[in-house]
Amino acid sequence: LDVAREVEQAQSNVIDAEERIQAAQVAV
């Protein structure tokens, strides 16, 4: 369960950073 949680959190963090990159590039 801990491994599954960490994998899911890691994927969410990748998606979050990915979306912030796109928004930041527009802002720049």
mmCIF file of all heavy atoms, coordinates in Angstrom:
data_MODEL
# 
_entry.id   MODEL 
# 
loop_
_atom_site.group_PDB 
_atom_site.id 
_atom_site.type_symbol 
_atom_site.label_atom_id 
_atom_site.label_alt_id 
_atom_site.label_comp_id 
_atom_site.label_asym_id 
_atom_site.label_entity_id 
_atom_site.label_seq_id 
_atom_site.pdbx_PDB_ins_code 
_atom_site.Cartn_x 
_atom_site.Cartn_y 
_atom_site.Cartn_z 
_atom_site.occupancy 
_atom_site.B_iso_or_equiv 
_atom_site.pdbx_formal_charge 
_atom_site.auth_seq_id 
_atom_site.auth_comp_id 
_atom_site.auth_asym_id 
_atom_site.auth_atom_id 
_atom_site.pdbx_PDB_model_num 
ATOM 1   N N   . LEU A 1 1  ? 0.833  -1.203 0.000   1.00 0.00 ? 1  LEU A N   1 
ATOM 2   C CA  . LEU A 1 1  ? 0.000  0.000  0.000   1.00 0.00 ? 1  LEU A CA  1 
ATOM 3   C C   . LEU A 1 1  ? 0.875  1.263  0.000   1.00 0.00 ? 1  LEU A C   1 
ATOM 4   O O   . LEU A 1 1  ? 0.571  2.239  -0.692  1.00 0.00 ? 1  LEU A O   1 
ATOM 5   C CB  . LEU A 1 1  ? -0.926 -0.002 1.211   1.00 0.00 ? 1  LEU A CB  1 
ATOM 6   C CG  . LEU A 1 1  ? -2.050 -1.047 1.198   1.00 0.00 ? 1  LEU A CG  1 
ATOM 7   C CD1 . LEU A 1 1  ? -2.803 -1.034 2.522   1.00 0.00 ? 1  LEU A CD1 1 
ATOM 8   C CD2 . LEU A 1 1  ? -3.024 -0.785 0.047   1.00 0.00 ? 1  LEU A CD2 1 
ATOM 9   N N   . ASP A 1 2  ? 1.958  1.245  0.787   1.00 0.00 ? 2  ASP A N   1 
ATOM 10  C CA  . ASP A 1 2  ? 2.873  2.395  0.812   1.00 0.00 ? 2  ASP A CA  1 
ATOM 11  C C   . ASP A 1 2  ? 3.521  2.608  -0.552  1.00 0.00 ? 2  ASP A C   1 
ATOM 12  O O   . ASP A 1 2  ? 3.655  3.754  -1.019  1.00 0.00 ? 2  ASP A O   1 
ATOM 13  C CB  . ASP A 1 2  ? 3.953  2.191  1.877   1.00 0.00 ? 2  ASP A CB  1 
ATOM 14  C CG  . ASP A 1 2  ? 3.417  2.325  3.286   1.00 0.00 ? 2  ASP A CG  1 
ATOM 15  O OD1 . ASP A 1 2  ? 2.331  2.919  3.455   1.00 0.00 ? 2  ASP A OD1 1 
ATOM 16  O OD2 . ASP A 1 2  ? 4.077  1.823  4.224   1.00 0.00 ? 2  ASP A OD2 1 
ATOM 17  N N   . VAL A 1 3  ? 3.933  1.514  -1.181  1.00 0.00 ? 3  VAL A N   1 
ATOM 18  C CA  . VAL A 1 3  ? 4.559  1.615  -2.507  1.00 0.00 ? 3  VAL A CA  1 
ATOM 19  C C   . VAL A 1 3  ? 3.560  2.179  -3.514  1.00 0.00 ? 3  VAL A C   1 
ATOM 20  O O   . VAL A 1 3  ? 3.898  3.071  -4.314  1.00 0.00 ? 3  VAL A O   1 
ATOM 21  C CB  . VAL A 1 3  ? 5.077  0.242  -2.959  1.00 0.00 ? 3  VAL A CB  1 
ATOM 22  C CG1 . VAL A 1 3  ? 5.467  0.273  -4.436  1.00 0.00 ? 3  VAL A CG1 1 
ATOM 23  C CG2 . VAL A 1 3  ? 6.276  -0.189 -2.118  1.00 0.00 ? 3  VAL A CG2 1 
ATOM 24  N N   . ALA A 1 4  ? 2.324  1.679  -3.469  1.00 0.00 ? 4  ALA A N   1 
ATOM 25  C CA  . ALA A 1 4  ? 1.300  2.173  -4.399  1.00 0.00 ? 4  ALA A CA  1 
ATOM 26  C C   . ALA A 1 4  ? 1.032  3.662  -4.170  1.00 0.00 ? 4  ALA A C   1 
ATOM 27  O O   . ALA A 1 4  ? 0.884  4.432  -5.131  1.00 0.00 ? 4  ALA A O   1 
ATOM 28  C CB  . ALA A 1 4  ? 0.013  1.374  -4.214  1.00 0.00 ? 4  ALA A CB  1 
ATOM 29  N N   . ARG A 1 5  ? 0.995  4.074  -2.899  1.00 0.00 ? 5  ARG A N   1 
ATOM 30  C CA  . ARG A 1 5  ? 0.773  5.490  -2.598  1.00 0.00 ? 5  ARG A CA  1 
ATOM 31  C C   . ARG A 1 5  ? 1.921  6.356  -3.134  1.00 0.00 ? 5  ARG A C   1 
ATOM 32  O O   . ARG A 1 5  ? 1.688  7.407  -3.729  1.00 0.00 ? 5  ARG A O   1 
ATOM 33  C CB  . ARG A 1 5  ? 0.626  5.682  -1.097  1.00 0.00 ? 5  ARG A CB  1 
ATOM 34  C CG  . ARG A 1 5  ? 0.565  7.148  -0.653  1.00 0.00 ? 5  ARG A CG  1 
ATOM 35  C CD  . ARG A 1 5  ? 0.434  7.246  0.854   1.00 0.00 ? 5  ARG A CD  1 
ATOM 36  N NE  . ARG A 1 5  ? 1.475  6.507  1.551   1.00 0.00 ? 5  ARG A NE  1 
ATOM 37  C CZ  . ARG A 1 5  ? 2.699  6.950  1.738   1.00 0.00 ? 5  ARG A CZ  1 
ATOM 38  N NH1 . ARG A 1 5  ? 3.067  8.128  1.239   1.00 0.00 ? 5  ARG A NH1 1 
ATOM 39  N NH2 . ARG A 1 5  ? 3.594  6.224  2.392   1.00 0.00 ? 5  ARG A NH2 1 
ATOM 40  N N   . GLU A 1 6  ? 3.159  5.900  -2.927  1.00 0.00 ? 6  GLU A N   1 
ATOM 41  C CA  . GLU A 1 6  ? 4.306  6.682  -3.377  1.00 0.00 ? 6  GLU A CA  1 
ATOM 42  C C   . GLU A 1 6  ? 4.357  6.779  -4.902  1.00 0.00 ? 6  GLU A C   1 
ATOM 43  O O   . GLU A 1 6  ? 4.710  7.825  -5.452  1.00 0.00 ? 6  GLU A O   1 
ATOM 44  C CB  . GLU A 1 6  ? 5.591  6.060  -2.838  1.00 0.00 ? 6  GLU A CB  1 
ATOM 45  C CG  . GLU A 1 6  ? 5.743  6.199  -1.327  1.00 0.00 ? 6  GLU A CG  1 
ATOM 46  C CD  . GLU A 1 6  ? 6.966  5.490  -0.793  1.00 0.00 ? 6  GLU A CD  1 
ATOM 47  O OE1 . GLU A 1 6  ? 7.806  5.094  -1.611  1.00 0.00 ? 6  GLU A OE1 1 
ATOM 48  O OE2 . GLU A 1 6  ? 7.067  5.334  0.440   1.00 0.00 ? 6  GLU A OE2 1 
ATOM 49  N N   . VAL A 1 7  ? 4.004  5.696  -5.576  1.00 0.00 ? 7  VAL A N   1 
ATOM 50  C CA  . VAL A 1 7  ? 3.983  5.723  -7.045  1.00 0.00 ? 7  VAL A CA  1 
ATOM 51  C C   . VAL A 1 7  ? 2.927  6.712  -7.538  1.00 0.00 ? 7  VAL A C   1 
ATOM 52  O O   . VAL A 1 7  ? 3.169  7.511  -8.450  1.00 0.00 ? 7  VAL A O   1 
ATOM 53  C CB  . VAL A 1 7  ? 3.723  4.317  -7.610  1.00 0.00 ? 7  VAL A CB  1 
ATOM 54  C CG1 . VAL A 1 7  ? 3.462  4.380  -9.118  1.00 0.00 ? 7  VAL A CG1 1 
ATOM 55  C CG2 . VAL A 1 7  ? 4.909  3.405  -7.331  1.00 0.00 ? 7  VAL A CG2 1 
ATOM 56  N N   . GLU A 1 8  ? 1.749  6.672  -6.915  1.00 0.00 ? 8  GLU A N   1 
ATOM 57  C CA  . GLU A 1 8  ? 0.673  7.573  -7.325  1.00 0.00 ? 8  GLU A CA  1 
ATOM 58  C C   . GLU A 1 8  ? 1.042  9.026  -7.048  1.00 0.00 ? 8  GLU A C   1 
ATOM 59  O O   . GLU A 1 8  ? 0.799  9.914  -7.875  1.00 0.00 ? 8  GLU A O   1 
ATOM 60  C CB  . GLU A 1 8  ? -0.618 7.201  -6.589  1.00 0.00 ? 8  GLU A CB  1 
ATOM 61  C CG  . GLU A 1 8  ? -1.853 7.911  -7.102  1.00 0.00 ? 8  GLU A CG  1 
ATOM 62  C CD  . GLU A 1 8  ? -2.184 7.566  -8.539  1.00 0.00 ? 8  GLU A CD  1 
ATOM 63  O OE1 . GLU A 1 8  ? -1.887 6.432  -8.964  1.00 0.00 ? 8  GLU A OE1 1 
ATOM 64  O OE2 . GLU A 1 8  ? -2.733 8.439  -9.236  1.00 0.00 ? 8  GLU A OE2 1 
ATOM 65  N N   . GLN A 1 9  ? 1.639  9.284  -5.878  1.00 0.00 ? 9  GLN A N   1 
ATOM 66  C CA  . GLN A 1 9  ? 2.052  10.647 -5.549  1.00 0.00 ? 9  GLN A CA  1 
ATOM 67  C C   . GLN A 1 9  ? 3.128  11.144 -6.516  1.00 0.00 ? 9  GLN A C   1 
ATOM 68  O O   . GLN A 1 9  ? 3.098  12.309 -6.937  1.00 0.00 ? 9  GLN A O   1 
ATOM 69  C CB  . GLN A 1 9  ? 2.572  10.706 -4.112  1.00 0.00 ? 9  GLN A CB  1 
ATOM 70  C CG  . GLN A 1 9  ? 1.482  10.610 -3.054  1.00 0.00 ? 9  GLN A CG  1 
ATOM 71  C CD  . GLN A 1 9  ? 2.038  10.650 -1.647  1.00 0.00 ? 9  GLN A CD  1 
ATOM 72  O OE1 . GLN A 1 9  ? 3.232  10.435 -1.436  1.00 0.00 ? 9  GLN A OE1 1 
ATOM 73  N NE2 . GLN A 1 9  ? 1.182  10.903 -0.674  1.00 0.00 ? 9  GLN A NE2 1 
ATOM 74  N N   . ALA A 1 10 ? 4.072  10.274 -6.851  1.00 0.00 ? 10 ALA A N   1 
ATOM 75  C CA  . ALA A 1 10 ? 5.139  10.662 -7.774  1.00 0.00 ? 10 ALA A CA  1 
ATOM 76  C C   . ALA A 1 10 ? 4.570  11.015 -9.144  1.00 0.00 ? 10 ALA A C   1 
ATOM 77  O O   . ALA A 1 10 ? 4.989  12.005 -9.770  1.00 0.00 ? 10 ALA A O   1 
ATOM 78  C CB  . ALA A 1 10 ? 6.169  9.541  -7.894  1.00 0.00 ? 10 ALA A CB  1 
ATOM 79  N N   . GLN A 1 11 ? 3.616  10.231 -9.615  1.00 0.00 ? 11 GLN A N   1 
ATOM 80  C CA  . GLN A 1 11 ? 2.979  10.546 -10.902 1.00 0.00 ? 11 GLN A CA  1 
ATOM 81  C C   . GLN A 1 11 ? 2.230  11.878 -10.839 1.00 0.00 ? 11 GLN A C   1 
ATOM 82  O O   . GLN A 1 11 ? 2.306  12.690 -11.769 1.00 0.00 ? 11 GLN A O   1 
ATOM 83  C CB  . GLN A 1 11 ? 2.009  9.433  -11.295 1.00 0.00 ? 11 GLN A CB  1 
ATOM 84  C CG  . GLN A 1 11 ? 2.676  8.116  -11.650 1.00 0.00 ? 11 GLN A CG  1 
ATOM 85  C CD  . GLN A 1 11 ? 1.652  7.060  -12.045 1.00 0.00 ? 11 GLN A CD  1 
ATOM 86  O OE1 . GLN A 1 11 ? 1.216  6.994  -13.190 1.00 0.00 ? 11 GLN A OE1 1 
ATOM 87  N NE2 . GLN A 1 11 ? 1.251  6.235  -11.091 1.00 0.00 ? 11 GLN A NE2 1 
ATOM 88  N N   . SER A 1 12 ? 1.530  12.116 -9.730  1.00 0.00 ? 12 SER A N   1 
ATOM 89  C CA  . SER A 1 12 ? 0.797  13.378 -9.574  1.00 0.00 ? 12 SER A CA  1 
ATOM 90  C C   . SER A 1 12 ? 1.746  14.559 -9.573  1.00 0.00 ? 12 SER A C   1 
ATOM 91  O O   . SER A 1 12 ? 1.453  15.610 -10.166 1.00 0.00 ? 12 SER A O   1 
ATOM 92  C CB  . SER A 1 12 ? -0.025 13.350 -8.277  1.00 0.00 ? 12 SER A CB  1 
ATOM 93  O OG  . SER A 1 12 ? -1.013 12.335 -8.326  1.00 0.00 ? 12 SER A OG  1 
ATOM 94  N N   . ASN A 1 13 ? 2.907  14.403 -8.926  1.00 0.00 ? 13 ASN A N   1 
ATOM 95  C CA  . ASN A 1 13 ? 3.890  15.493 -8.892  1.00 0.00 ? 13 ASN A CA  1 
ATOM 96  C C   . ASN A 1 13 ? 4.460  15.769 -10.281 1.00 0.00 ? 13 ASN A C   1 
ATOM 97  O O   . ASN A 1 13 ? 4.725  16.925 -10.627 1.00 0.00 ? 13 ASN A O   1 
ATOM 98  C CB  . ASN A 1 13 ? 5.010  15.159 -7.917  1.00 0.00 ? 13 ASN A CB  1 
ATOM 99  C CG  . ASN A 1 13 ? 4.547  15.201 -6.468  1.00 0.00 ? 13 ASN A CG  1 
ATOM 100 O OD1 . ASN A 1 13 ? 3.578  15.887 -6.139  1.00 0.00 ? 13 ASN A OD1 1 
ATOM 101 N ND2 . ASN A 1 13 ? 5.229  14.476 -5.602  1.00 0.00 ? 13 ASN A ND2 1 
ATOM 102 N N   . VAL A 1 14 ? 4.658  14.718 -11.065 1.00 0.00 ? 14 VAL A N   1 
ATOM 103 C CA  . VAL A 1 14 ? 5.138  14.913 -12.439 1.00 0.00 ? 14 VAL A CA  1 
ATOM 104 C C   . VAL A 1 14 ? 4.102  15.679 -13.255 1.00 0.00 ? 14 VAL A C   1 
ATOM 105 O O   . VAL A 1 14 ? 4.433  16.640 -13.970 1.00 0.00 ? 14 VAL A O   1 
ATOM 106 C CB  . VAL A 1 14 ? 5.439  13.550 -13.106 1.00 0.00 ? 14 VAL A CB  1 
ATOM 107 C CG1 . VAL A 1 14 ? 5.708  13.726 -14.601 1.00 0.00 ? 14 VAL A CG1 1 
ATOM 108 C CG2 . VAL A 1 14 ? 6.641  12.889 -12.449 1.00 0.00 ? 14 VAL A CG2 1 
ATOM 109 N N   . ILE A 1 15 ? 2.835  15.281 -13.141 1.00 0.00 ? 15 ILE A N   1 
ATOM 110 C CA  . ILE A 1 15 ? 1.773  15.950 -13.892 1.00 0.00 ? 15 ILE A CA  1 
ATOM 111 C C   . ILE A 1 15 ? 1.638  17.406 -13.445 1.00 0.00 ? 15 ILE A C   1 
ATOM 112 O O   . ILE A 1 15 ? 1.481  18.323 -14.264 1.00 0.00 ? 15 ILE A O   1 
ATOM 113 C CB  . ILE A 1 15 ? 0.443  15.200 -13.716 1.00 0.00 ? 15 ILE A CB  1 
ATOM 114 C CG1 . ILE A 1 15 ? 0.539  13.799 -14.357 1.00 0.00 ? 15 ILE A CG1 1 
ATOM 115 C CG2 . ILE A 1 15 ? -0.706 15.975 -14.330 1.00 0.00 ? 15 ILE A CG2 1 
ATOM 116 C CD1 . ILE A 1 15 ? -0.645 12.907 -14.054 1.00 0.00 ? 15 ILE A CD1 1 
ATOM 117 N N   . ASP A 1 16 ? 1.716  17.634 -12.124 1.00 0.00 ? 16 ASP A N   1 
ATOM 118 C CA  . ASP A 1 16 ? 1.609  18.993 -11.590 1.00 0.00 ? 16 ASP A CA  1 
ATOM 119 C C   . ASP A 1 16 ? 2.726  19.889 -12.138 1.00 0.00 ? 16 ASP A C   1 
ATOM 120 O O   . ASP A 1 16 ? 2.471  21.010 -12.601 1.00 0.00 ? 16 ASP A O   1 
ATOM 121 C CB  . ASP A 1 16 ? 1.670  18.947 -10.069 1.00 0.00 ? 16 ASP A CB  1 
ATOM 122 C CG  . ASP A 1 16 ? 1.748  20.330 -9.448  1.00 0.00 ? 16 ASP A CG  1 
ATOM 123 O OD1 . ASP A 1 16 ? 0.719  21.024 -9.393  1.00 0.00 ? 16 ASP A OD1 1 
ATOM 124 O OD2 . ASP A 1 16 ? 2.851  20.716 -9.001  1.00 0.00 ? 16 ASP A OD2 1 
ATOM 125 N N   . ALA A 1 17 ? 3.963  19.400 -12.096 1.00 0.00 ? 17 ALA A N   1 
ATOM 126 C CA  . ALA A 1 17 ? 5.082  20.189 -12.600 1.00 0.00 ? 17 ALA A CA  1 
ATOM 127 C C   . ALA A 1 17 ? 4.958  20.418 -14.102 1.00 0.00 ? 17 ALA A C   1 
ATOM 128 O O   . ALA A 1 17 ? 5.289  21.502 -14.619 1.00 0.00 ? 17 ALA A O   1 
ATOM 129 C CB  . ALA A 1 17 ? 6.403  19.484 -12.279 1.00 0.00 ? 17 ALA A CB  1 
ATOM 130 N N   . GLU A 1 18 ? 4.471  19.406 -14.804 1.00 0.00 ? 18 GLU A N   1 
ATOM 131 C CA  . GLU A 1 18 ? 4.277  19.516 -16.252 1.00 0.00 ? 18 GLU A CA  1 
ATOM 132 C C   . GLU A 1 18 ? 3.298  20.642 -16.580 1.00 0.00 ? 18 GLU A C   1 
ATOM 133 O O   . GLU A 1 18 ? 3.553  21.481 -17.462 1.00 0.00 ? 18 GLU A O   1 
ATOM 134 C CB  . GLU A 1 18 ? 3.743  18.180 -16.776 1.00 0.00 ? 18 GLU A CB  1 
ATOM 135 C CG  . GLU A 1 18 ? 4.003  17.898 -18.225 1.00 0.00 ? 18 GLU A CG  1 
ATOM 136 C CD  . GLU A 1 18 ? 3.639  16.469 -18.570 1.00 0.00 ? 18 GLU A CD  1 
ATOM 137 O OE1 . GLU A 1 18 ? 2.772  15.884 -17.881 1.00 0.00 ? 18 GLU A OE1 1 
ATOM 138 O OE2 . GLU A 1 18 ? 4.216  15.934 -19.515 1.00 0.00 ? 18 GLU A OE2 1 
ATOM 139 N N   . GLU A 1 19 ? 2.196  20.691 -15.858 1.00 0.00 ? 19 GLU A N   1 
ATOM 140 C CA  . GLU A 1 19 ? 1.187  21.729 -16.096 1.00 0.00 ? 19 GLU A CA  1 
ATOM 141 C C   . GLU A 1 19 ? 1.713  23.110 -15.709 1.00 0.00 ? 19 GLU A C   1 
ATOM 142 O O   . GLU A 1 19 ? 1.421  24.107 -16.383 1.00 0.00 ? 19 GLU A O   1 
ATOM 143 C CB  . GLU A 1 19 ? -0.092 21.392 -15.332 1.00 0.00 ? 19 GLU A CB  1 
ATOM 144 C CG  . GLU A 1 19 ? -0.797 20.141 -15.856 1.00 0.00 ? 19 GLU A CG  1 
ATOM 145 C CD  . GLU A 1 19 ? -1.981 19.745 -14.997 1.00 0.00 ? 19 GLU A CD  1 
ATOM 146 O OE1 . GLU A 1 19 ? -2.120 20.306 -13.875 1.00 0.00 ? 19 GLU A OE1 1 
ATOM 147 O OE2 . GLU A 1 19 ? -2.779 18.891 -15.435 1.00 0.00 ? 19 GLU A OE2 1 
ATOM 148 N N   . ARG A 1 20 ? 2.491  23.182 -14.636 1.00 0.00 ? 20 ARG A N   1 
ATOM 149 C CA  . ARG A 1 20 ? 3.048  24.472 -14.216 1.00 0.00 ? 20 ARG A CA  1 
ATOM 150 C C   . ARG A 1 20 ? 4.075  24.991 -15.230 1.00 0.00 ? 20 ARG A C   1 
ATOM 151 O O   . ARG A 1 20 ? 4.202  26.199 -15.411 1.00 0.00 ? 20 ARG A O   1 
ATOM 152 C CB  . ARG A 1 20 ? 3.673  24.351 -12.827 1.00 0.00 ? 20 ARG A CB  1 
ATOM 153 C CG  . ARG A 1 20 ? 2.633  24.281 -11.720 1.00 0.00 ? 20 ARG A CG  1 
ATOM 154 C CD  . ARG A 1 20 ? 3.225  24.465 -10.345 1.00 0.00 ? 20 ARG A CD  1 
ATOM 155 N NE  . ARG A 1 20 ? 3.991  23.311 -9.912  1.00 0.00 ? 20 ARG A NE  1 
ATOM 156 C CZ  . ARG A 1 20 ? 5.284  23.318 -9.679  1.00 0.00 ? 20 ARG A CZ  1 
ATOM 157 N NH1 . ARG A 1 20 ? 5.997  24.423 -9.855  1.00 0.00 ? 20 ARG A NH1 1 
ATOM 158 N NH2 . ARG A 1 20 ? 5.907  22.225 -9.259  1.00 0.00 ? 20 ARG A NH2 1 
ATOM 159 N N   . ILE A 1 21 ? 4.816  24.082 -15.850 1.00 0.00 ? 21 ILE A N   1 
ATOM 160 C CA  . ILE A 1 21 ? 5.772  24.505 -16.883 1.00 0.00 ? 21 ILE A CA  1 
ATOM 161 C C   . ILE A 1 21 ? 5.034  25.194 -18.026 1.00 0.00 ? 21 ILE A C   1 
ATOM 162 O O   . ILE A 1 21 ? 5.423  26.276 -18.493 1.00 0.00 ? 21 ILE A O   1 
ATOM 163 C CB  . ILE A 1 21 ? 6.574  23.300 -17.405 1.00 0.00 ? 21 ILE A CB  1 
ATOM 164 C CG1 . ILE A 1 21 ? 7.566  22.815 -16.345 1.00 0.00 ? 21 ILE A CG1 1 
ATOM 165 C CG2 . ILE A 1 21 ? 7.317  23.662 -18.682 1.00 0.00 ? 21 ILE A CG2 1 
ATOM 166 C CD1 . ILE A 1 21 ? 8.251  21.520 -16.703 1.00 0.00 ? 21 ILE A CD1 1 
ATOM 167 N N   . GLN A 1 22 ? 3.969  24.565 -18.485 1.00 0.00 ? 22 GLN A N   1 
ATOM 168 C CA  . GLN A 1 22 ? 3.216  25.126 -19.609 1.00 0.00 ? 22 GLN A CA  1 
ATOM 169 C C   . GLN A 1 22 ? 2.625  26.481 -19.246 1.00 0.00 ? 22 GLN A C   1 
ATOM 170 O O   . GLN A 1 22 ? 2.676  27.433 -20.036 1.00 0.00 ? 22 GLN A O   1 
ATOM 171 C CB  . GLN A 1 22 ? 2.127  24.140 -20.023 1.00 0.00 ? 22 GLN A CB  1 
ATOM 172 C CG  . GLN A 1 22 ? 2.682  22.819 -20.541 1.00 0.00 ? 22 GLN A CG  1 
ATOM 173 C CD  . GLN A 1 22 ? 1.616  21.759 -20.740 1.00 0.00 ? 22 GLN A CD  1 
ATOM 174 O OE1 . GLN A 1 22 ? 0.440  22.016 -20.511 1.00 0.00 ? 22 GLN A OE1 1 
ATOM 175 N NE2 . GLN A 1 22 ? 2.021  20.573 -21.160 1.00 0.00 ? 22 GLN A NE2 1 
ATOM 176 N N   . ALA A 1 23 ? 2.061  26.582 -18.019 1.00 0.00 ? 23 ALA A N   1 
ATOM 177 C CA  . ALA A 1 23 ? 1.496  27.864 -17.594 1.00 0.00 ? 23 ALA A CA  1 
ATOM 178 C C   . ALA A 1 23 ? 2.588  28.918 -17.428 1.00 0.00 ? 23 ALA A C   1 
ATOM 179 O O   . ALA A 1 23 ? 2.395  30.093 -17.789 1.00 0.00 ? 23 ALA A O   1 
ATOM 180 C CB  . ALA A 1 23 ? 0.723  27.682 -16.286 1.00 0.00 ? 23 ALA A CB  1 
ATOM 181 N N   . ALA A 1 24 ? 3.735  28.526 -16.886 1.00 0.00 ? 24 ALA A N   1 
ATOM 182 C CA  . ALA A 1 24 ? 4.831  29.481 -16.658 1.00 0.00 ? 24 ALA A CA  1 
ATOM 183 C C   . ALA A 1 24 ? 5.395  29.991 -17.974 1.00 0.00 ? 24 ALA A C   1 
ATOM 184 O O   . ALA A 1 24 ? 5.769  31.171 -18.090 1.00 0.00 ? 24 ALA A O   1 
ATOM 185 C CB  . ALA A 1 24 ? 5.933  28.827 -15.828 1.00 0.00 ? 24 ALA A CB  1 
ATOM 186 N N   . GLN A 1 25 ? 5.467  29.138 -18.976 1.00 0.00 ? 25 GLN A N   1 
ATOM 187 C CA  . GLN A 1 25 ? 5.994  29.576 -20.264 1.00 0.00 ? 25 GLN A CA  1 
ATOM 188 C C   . GLN A 1 25 ? 5.089  30.629 -20.911 1.00 0.00 ? 25 GLN A C   1 
ATOM 189 O O   . GLN A 1 25 ? 5.568  31.591 -21.521 1.00 0.00 ? 25 GLN A O   1 
ATOM 190 C CB  . GLN A 1 25 ? 6.170  28.371 -21.186 1.00 0.00 ? 25 GLN A CB  1 
ATOM 191 C CG  . GLN A 1 25 ? 7.330  27.465 -20.764 1.00 0.00 ? 25 GLN A CG  1 
ATOM 192 C CD  . GLN A 1 25 ? 7.435  26.196 -21.577 1.00 0.00 ? 25 GLN A CD  1 
ATOM 193 O OE1 . GLN A 1 25 ? 6.469  25.794 -22.257 1.00 0.00 ? 25 GLN A OE1 1 
ATOM 194 N NE2 . GLN A 1 25 ? 8.585  25.540 -21.528 1.00 0.00 ? 25 GLN A NE2 1 
ATOM 195 N N   . VAL A 1 26 ? 3.787  30.455 -20.741 1.00 0.00 ? 26 VAL A N   1 
ATOM 196 C CA  . VAL A 1 26 ? 2.849  31.466 -21.239 1.00 0.00 ? 26 VAL A CA  1 
ATOM 197 C C   . VAL A 1 26 ? 3.034  32.769 -20.469 1.00 0.00 ? 26 VAL A C   1 
ATOM 198 O O   . VAL A 1 26 ? 3.032  33.868 -21.046 1.00 0.00 ? 26 VAL A O   1 
ATOM 199 C CB  . VAL A 1 26 ? 1.398  30.963 -21.114 1.00 0.00 ? 26 VAL A CB  1 
ATOM 200 C CG1 . VAL A 1 26 ? 0.410  32.069 -21.473 1.00 0.00 ? 26 VAL A CG1 1 
ATOM 201 C CG2 . VAL A 1 26 ? 1.177  29.755 -22.022 1.00 0.00 ? 26 VAL A CG2 1 
ATOM 202 N N   . ALA A 1 27 ? 3.210  32.650 -19.142 1.00 0.00 ? 27 ALA A N   1 
ATOM 203 C CA  . ALA A 1 27 ? 3.400  33.845 -18.320 1.00 0.00 ? 27 ALA A CA  1 
ATOM 204 C C   . ALA A 1 27 ? 4.680  34.583 -18.681 1.00 0.00 ? 27 ALA A C   1 
ATOM 205 O O   . ALA A 1 27 ? 4.709  35.824 -18.696 1.00 0.00 ? 27 ALA A O   1 
ATOM 206 C CB  . ALA A 1 27 ? 3.418  33.452 -16.837 1.00 0.00 ? 27 ALA A CB  1 
ATOM 207 N N   . VAL A 1 28 ? 5.745  33.846 -18.977 1.00 0.00 ? 28 VAL A N   1 
ATOM 208 C CA  . VAL A 1 28 ? 7.008  34.481 -19.363 1.00 0.00 ? 28 VAL A CA  1 
ATOM 209 C C   . VAL A 1 28 ? 6.832  35.252 -20.667 1.00 0.00 ? 28 VAL A C   1 
ATOM 210 O O   . VAL A 1 28 ? 7.296  36.409 -20.796 1.00 0.00 ? 28 VAL A O   1 
ATOM 211 C CB  . VAL A 1 28 ? 8.125  33.431 -19.510 1.00 0.00 ? 28 VAL A CB  1 
ATOM 212 C CG1 . VAL A 1 28 ? 9.344  34.028 -20.197 1.00 0.00 ? 28 VAL A CG1 1 
ATOM 213 C CG2 . VAL A 1 28 ? 8.517  32.901 -18.144 1.00 0.00 ? 28 VAL A CG2 1 
# 
